[in-house]
Amino acid sequence: MRPTKKSILFYFILSVFVGVGVLAIMGKFVKNFNLGLFASFHFSYYLVPVVLFFFVYIIDALRLMIVTHQLGFKVGFFDAVVNNMVGFFFTSMTPLAMGGQPFQIHHLTRIGIPSEDATNIVVSRFLEFMVTVLSFSLFAFKSVVSSLQDSAAISARLLAAGFGVSVVGFILILFLFLKPQILVMLLRWASRLPGFSVLKKKDVIEGLDRWIRRMKQSAKFLWQNRLPFMLLDTGLGVLSLCFMFSPLYYSLNIFTGVEGVSSFLRILATALLLNLVVFYLPTPGASGGTEAVYQLVFADMTGNASGTLAAIVLWRFSTFYLQLGVTGLVIFTVGNVFGPATVRRRAK
């Protein structure tokens, strides 16, 4: 279903309102924080995190072009960039950050990729992402908990819960990806129940079974015949994550003085671990919750609450609120997300 402009505008306003509101409240309680902190640096300093984040679109676009080419499709650079913008925008616009992947699949089908191949590509890359995030998070868990002070017990339980739910979710998605016929079996069982006989009449189950078989063949080809390219995609995904959180490191660097490769890796791993928690908050893109949780953890880590809050303000503005405006403008003007579908044949 195509989202209405009113619903998109509502979630956009809600996301900004909640996030800015939480930041304003935190600013009242953080000692020595004031907007004058931002006047200490030249304007050019504030362009750096924006530029760094745009490398994420470029890297992920190249990844998509490489993977689709393995399946015999040629996707242009602009369409690949738009697809990643679609993922960012609808992840940020939906509660629990659940809208990104379905809309990426939708966009790929609009530019001519068959739905089974589009689903295979998006789910495969999501599983790669989760393996990377869970690996970094496992590495960071003990370090993050030990960096917390007064709220260590509560925060540890919160982080453990988020990590546990993410692991269970990953295993479930991986299982369904490897054994998608389970869905057909469940529907066949449900069709015997009162009120579900319509599944038989409309040939829904047989149609889904045929689609799943095509999707499974697509996944088998990609992971068995093109494994080196999928490993390359995973490696580029790690690089993309580094650029994604480099604005956070940069912001903490100029406002709190943290520096060095070890500090960057610790911040990256900590941020990935925190994302496993904040994205379960029922606000668009976890707006508000992200600011609060990151302030709690990184203020303890740096020992500089006011500098940390200033860093989070800069980071969230440059990589979230500003990006919402940019990606939304592209998607609803020249992105062909909801326009006429095109036909794209496999390259011979």
Foldseek 3Di string as FASTA:
>chain_A
DDDDPVLQVVQLVQLVCLQVVLLVVVQVVAPPADPVLVVVDDPVLLCVLLVLLVVLLQLQLVLVQLLVVLVQFGDDSLLSSLLVLQLQQQLLRAFLSPGRLVLSLLSVVQAADPSLLSNLVSLLLVLLVLVVLLVLQVVQLVVLLVLADPCSVVVNVLLVVLSVVSVVVSVVSVVCLQVVCVVLVVLVVVCVDPPSVVCVVVVVSVVVVVSSVVSNVSNCCCCPVVVVSSVVSSVSVVVSLLSLCVLLVSLCCVLQNDDDPVSSSNSSSVLSSVCSRQSNGGGRSSRNVSLVVQLNRVCSVRVRNNSSSRSSVSSCVSNPSVSNVVSVVCCVPPNSSPPHGDHIDGHD
